[in-house]
C-alpha atoms as a PDB file:
ATOM      1  CA  MET A   1     -10.759  12.572   7.426  1.00  0.00           C
ATOM      2  CA  PRO A   2     -10.014  13.064   3.706  1.00  0.00           C
ATOM      3  CA  TRP A   3     -10.873   9.987   1.608  1.00  0.00           C
ATOM      4  CA  ALA A   4      -7.302   9.471   0.344  1.00  0.00           C
ATOM      5  CA  ARG A   5      -5.897   9.573   3.870  1.00  0.00           C
ATOM      6  CA  SER A   6      -8.518   7.033   4.968  1.00  0.00           C
ATOM      7  CA  LEU A   7      -7.529   4.788   2.068  1.00  0.00           C
ATOM      8  CA  PHE A   8      -3.844   5.029   3.007  1.00  0.00           C
ATOM      9  CA  TRP A   9      -4.690   4.080   6.602  1.00  0.00           C
ATOM     10  CA  ALA A  10      -6.652   1.112   5.235  1.00  0.00           C
ATOM     11  CA  GLU A  11      -3.509   0.186   3.292  1.00  0.00           C
ATOM     12  CA  VAL A  12      -1.482   0.336   6.519  1.00  0.00           C
ATOM     13  CA  CYS A  13      -3.999  -2.015   8.175  1.00  0.00           C
ATOM     14  CA  VAL A  14      -4.003  -4.461   5.248  1.00  0.00           C
ATOM     15  CA  ASN A  15      -0.197  -4.471   5.184  1.00  0.00           C
ATOM     16  CA  GLY A  16       0.042  -4.834   8.959  1.00  0.00           C
ATOM     17  CA  ALA A  17      -2.203  -7.892   8.860  1.00  0.00           C
ATOM     18  CA  THR A  18      -1.015  -9.655   5.709  1.00  0.00           C
ATOM     19  CA  ALA A  19       2.742  -8.995   5.805  1.00  0.00           C
ATOM     20  CA  PRO A  20       3.452 -11.078   8.945  1.00  0.00           C
ATOM     21  CA  LEU A  21       1.275 -13.855   7.518  1.00  0.00           C
ATOM     22  CA  MET A  22       3.329 -13.794   4.302  1.00  0.00           C
ATOM     23  CA  VAL A  23       6.438 -14.334   6.402  1.00  0.00           C
ATOM     24  CA  VAL A  24       5.120 -17.203   8.515  1.00  0.00           C
ATOM     25  CA  ALA A  25       2.529 -18.783   6.176  1.00  0.00           C
ATOM     26  CA  PRO A  26       3.049 -17.674   2.559  1.00  0.00           C
ATOM     27  CA  GLU A  27       0.529 -20.137   1.137  1.00  0.00           C
ATOM     28  CA  LEU A  28      -2.197 -18.832   3.422  1.00  0.00           C
ATOM     29  CA  VAL A  29      -1.945 -15.375   1.865  1.00  0.00           C
ATOM     30  CA  LEU A  30      -0.951 -15.917  -1.756  1.00  0.00           C
ATOM     31  CA  SER A  31      -1.994 -19.423  -2.755  1.00  0.00           C
ATOM     32  CA  GLY A  32      -5.009 -17.960  -4.542  1.00  0.00           C
ATOM     33  CA  MET A  33      -2.674 -16.058  -6.833  1.00  0.00           C
ATOM     34  CA  LEU A  34       0.375 -18.324  -6.973  1.00  0.00           C
ATOM     35  CA  GLY A  35      -1.194 -21.752  -6.535  1.00  0.00           C
ATOM     36  CA  SER A  36      -0.680 -24.385  -3.900  1.00  0.00           C
ATOM     37  CA  PRO A  37       1.472 -26.137  -2.964  1.00  0.00           C
ATOM     38  CA  MET A  38       4.156 -23.498  -3.465  1.00  0.00           C
ATOM     39  CA  ALA A  39       7.696 -24.437  -4.370  1.00  0.00           C
ATOM     40  CA  THR A  40      10.296 -23.558  -1.728  1.00  0.00           C
ATOM     41  CA  PRO A  41      11.852 -20.725  -3.790  1.00  0.00           C
ATOM     42  CA  THR A  42       8.382 -19.223  -4.261  1.00  0.00           C
ATOM     43  CA  LYS A  43       7.727 -19.378  -0.519  1.00  0.00           C
ATOM     44  CA  GLU A  44      11.034 -17.626   0.163  1.00  0.00           C
ATOM     45  CA  ALA A  45      10.224 -14.888  -2.370  1.00  0.00           C
ATOM     46  CA  VAL A  46       6.833 -14.390  -0.704  1.00  0.00           C
ATOM     47  CA  ARG A  47       8.519 -14.217   2.718  1.00  0.00           C
ATOM     48  CA  TRP A  48      10.899 -11.539   1.423  1.00  0.00           C
ATOM     49  CA  PHE A  49       7.938  -9.640  -0.073  1.00  0.00           C
ATOM     50  CA  GLY A  50       6.142  -9.919   3.273  1.00  0.00           C
ATOM     51  CA  ALA A  51       9.150  -8.551   5.157  1.00  0.00           C
ATOM     52  CA  MET A  52       9.428  -5.599   2.761  1.00  0.00           C
ATOM     53  CA  THR A  53       5.672  -5.018   2.891  1.00  0.00           C
ATOM     54  CA  PHE A  54       5.819  -4.857   6.687  1.00  0.00           C
ATOM     55  CA  ALA A  55       8.851  -2.544   6.728  1.00  0.00           C
ATOM     56  CA  PHE A  56       7.655  -0.160   4.049  1.00  0.00           C
ATOM     57  CA  GLY A  57       3.898  -0.618   3.735  1.00  0.00           C
ATOM     58  CA  PHE A  58       3.219  -0.751   7.451  1.00  0.00           C
ATOM     59  CA  VAL A  59       6.032   0.952   9.379  1.00  0.00           C
ATOM     60  CA  LEU A  60       7.159   3.593   6.857  1.00  0.00           C
ATOM     61  CA  LEU A  61       3.699   4.502   5.568  1.00  0.00           C
ATOM     62  CA  SER A  62       2.165   4.754   9.050  1.00  0.00           C
ATOM     63  CA  ARG A  63       5.012   7.043  10.138  1.00  0.00           C
ATOM     64  CA  ALA A  64       4.756   9.139   6.978  1.00  0.00           C
ATOM     65  CA  LEU A  65       1.023   9.630   7.554  1.00  0.00           C
ATOM     66  CA  ARG A  66       1.913  11.206  10.906  1.00  0.00           C
ATOM     67  CA  ALA A  67       4.747  13.345   9.496  1.00  0.00           C
ATOM     68  CA  ASP A  68       4.890  16.711   7.757  1.00  0.00           C
ATOM     69  CA  ALA A  69       3.704  17.309   4.191  1.00  0.00           C
ATOM     70  CA  ALA A  70       7.197  17.144   2.631  1.00  0.00           C
ATOM     71  CA  THR A  71       7.929  13.736   4.169  1.00  0.00           C
ATOM     72  CA  LEU A  72       4.532  12.366   3.187  1.00  0.00           C
ATOM     73  CA  ARG A  73       4.942  13.650  -0.387  1.00  0.00           C
ATOM     74  CA  PHE A  74       8.337  11.923  -0.654  1.00  0.00           C
ATOM     75  CA  VAL A  75       6.912   8.592   0.546  1.00  0.00           C
ATOM     76  CA  LEU A  76       3.828   8.865  -1.688  1.00  0.00           C
ATOM     77  CA  GLU A  77       6.032   9.507  -4.747  1.00  0.00           C
ATOM     78  CA  ALA A  78       8.058   6.363  -4.034  1.00  0.00           C
ATOM     79  CA  PHE A  79       4.934   4.300  -3.371  1.00  0.00           C
ATOM     80  CA  LEU A  80       3.381   5.563  -6.626  1.00  0.00           C
ATOM     81  CA  VAL A  81       6.326   4.109  -8.558  1.00  0.00           C
ATOM     82  CA  GLY A  82       5.726   0.813  -6.748  1.00  0.00           C
ATOM     83  CA  ASP A  83       1.988   0.963  -7.478  1.00  0.00           C
ATOM     84  CA  VAL A  84       2.570   1.408 -11.201  1.00  0.00           C
ATOM     85  CA  LEU A  85       5.111  -1.419 -11.355  1.00  0.00           C
ATOM     86  CA  TYR A  86       3.173  -3.808  -9.105  1.00  0.00           C
ATOM     87  CA  THR A  87      -0.172  -3.173 -10.808  1.00  0.00           C
ATOM     88  CA  ALA A  88       1.359  -3.790 -14.237  1.00  0.00           C
ATOM     89  CA  CYS A  89       3.145  -6.956 -13.091  1.00  0.00           C
ATOM     90  CA  ALA A  90       0.140  -8.343 -11.187  1.00  0.00           C
ATOM     91  CA  LEU A  91      -2.203  -7.588 -14.083  1.00  0.00           C
ATOM     92  CA  ARG A  92       0.168  -9.273 -16.544  1.00  0.00           C
ATOM     93  CA  TRP A  93       0.456 -12.306 -14.256  1.00  0.00           C
ATOM     94  CA  CYS A  94      -3.297 -12.621 -13.776  1.00  0.00           C
ATOM     95  CA  TRP A  95      -3.899 -12.223 -17.505  1.00  0.00           C
ATOM     96  CA  SER A  96      -1.250 -14.732 -18.595  1.00  0.00           C
ATOM     97  CA  GLN A  97      -2.252 -17.310 -15.968  1.00  0.00           C
ATOM     98  CA  ARG A  98      -5.988 -16.682 -16.355  1.00  0.00           C
ATOM     99  CA  MET A  99      -5.912 -16.236 -12.596  1.00  0.00           C
ATOM    100  CA  TRP A 100      -8.970 -14.146 -11.704  1.00  0.00           C
ATOM    101  CA  THR A 101      -9.551 -15.315  -8.156  1.00  0.00           C
ATOM    102  CA  PRO A 102     -10.944 -12.872  -5.568  1.00  0.00           C
ATOM    103  CA  GLY A 103      -7.446 -12.453  -4.109  1.00  0.00           C
ATOM    104  CA  ALA A 104      -5.916 -11.699  -7.509  1.00  0.00           C
ATOM    105  CA  ILE A 105      -8.650  -9.230  -8.397  1.00  0.00           C
ATOM    106  CA  PHE A 106      -8.239  -7.527  -5.002  1.00  0.00           C
ATOM    107  CA  ALA A 107      -4.457  -7.234  -5.478  1.00  0.00           C
ATOM    108  CA  VAL A 108      -4.781  -5.592  -8.893  1.00  0.00           C
ATOM    109  CA  ALA A 109      -7.750  -3.371  -8.038  1.00  0.00           C
ATOM    110  CA  PHE A 110      -6.442  -2.209  -4.643  1.00  0.00           C
ATOM    111  CA  SER A 111      -3.031  -1.381  -6.079  1.00  0.00           C
ATOM    112  CA  ALA A 112      -4.599   0.580  -8.962  1.00  0.00           C
ATOM    113  CA  LEU A 113      -6.891   2.432  -6.542  1.00  0.00           C
ATOM    114  CA  LEU A 114      -3.953   3.282  -4.279  1.00  0.00           C
ATOM    115  CA  GLY A 115      -2.003   4.571  -7.290  1.00  0.00           C
ATOM    116  CA  ALA A 116      -4.906   6.834  -8.270  1.00  0.00           C
ATOM    117  CA  ALA A 117      -5.189   8.088  -4.673  1.00  0.00           C
ATOM    118  CA  ARG A 118      -1.459   8.839  -4.624  1.00  0.00           C
ATOM    119  CA  VAL A 119      -1.678  10.796  -7.891  1.00  0.00           C
ATOM    120  CA  HIS A 120      -4.587  12.776  -6.409  1.00  0.00           C
ATOM    121  CA  SER A 121      -2.717  13.360  -3.143  1.00  0.00           C
ATOM    122  CA  LEU A 122       0.471  14.451  -4.869  1.00  0.00           C
ATOM    123  CA  GLY A 123      -1.591  17.050  -6.733  1.00  0.00           C
ATOM    124  CA  ASP A 124      -3.217  18.194  -3.479  1.00  0.00           C
ATOM    125  CA  ILE A 125      -1.261  16.973  -0.465  1.00  0.00           C
ATOM    126  CA  SER A 126      -4.036  18.152   1.871  1.00  0.00           C
ATOM    127  CA  ALA A 127      -6.019  15.090   0.667  1.00  0.00           C
ATOM    128  CA  ALA A 128      -3.576  12.933   2.617  1.00  0.00           C
ATOM    129  CA  MET A 129      -2.839  15.215   5.565  1.00  0.00           C
ATOM    130  CA  PRO A 130      -4.773  15.309   8.822  1.00  0.00           C
ATOM    131  CA  GLY A 131      -7.471  17.992   8.876  1.00  0.00           C
ATOM    132  CA  ARG A 132      -7.473  20.972  11.163  1.00  0.00           C
ATOM    133  CA  SER A 133      -8.709  20.267  14.622  1.00  0.00           C
ATOM    134  CA  ARG A 134     -11.679  22.351  15.776  1.00  0.00           C
ATOM    135  CA  GLY A 135     -10.695  25.747  17.035  1.00  0.00           C
ATOM    136  CA  SER A 136      -7.133  25.494  15.734  1.00  0.00           C
ATOM    137  CA  PRO A 137      -6.204  28.818  14.116  1.00  0.00           C
ATOM    138  CA  GLY A 138      -3.103  27.532  12.324  1.00  0.00           C
ATOM    139  CA  GLY A 139      -2.547  25.392   9.284  1.00  0.00           C
ATOM    140  CA  ARG A 140      -2.277  21.647   9.166  1.00  0.00           C
ATOM    141  CA  ARG A 141       0.355  19.859  11.223  1.00  0.00           C
ATOM    142  CA  GLY A 142       3.699  19.931   9.472  1.00  0.00           C
ATOM    143  CA  GLU A 143       2.948  22.913   7.223  1.00  0.00           C
ATOM    144  CA  ARG A 144       4.993  26.017   7.597  1.00  0.00           C
ATOM    145  CA  SER A 145       3.313  29.398   7.672  1.00  0.00           C
END
């Protein structure tokens, strides 16, 4: 499996595990970055972020990874915009708050790595597509001949 595709599947797994936790127990997931105890408005913002992470980062991305190249490219472009914005915002937050916990470092580094993988994959979409199965004479699933 191409490395970028593997990374995107890891992202799906991370999102599938953490997003529901953000909804039901925001402090469990983000207290290392936002502090604890969290104010009620902060908890509600984290719950909203968790719901969106589940919908887009788990459901949409996992479906796009099984779709054709054009669909995957469209989703990767949108996610790249999110990666740039989130990485910049998270980095600014960590810097201004002097918040360099393992969770904060993971959030910034993983988002930056995903952004780089998306740039790579948008330049060569085969890096994010499933490989040919053995003995299959045709192209990759979703490509037109």
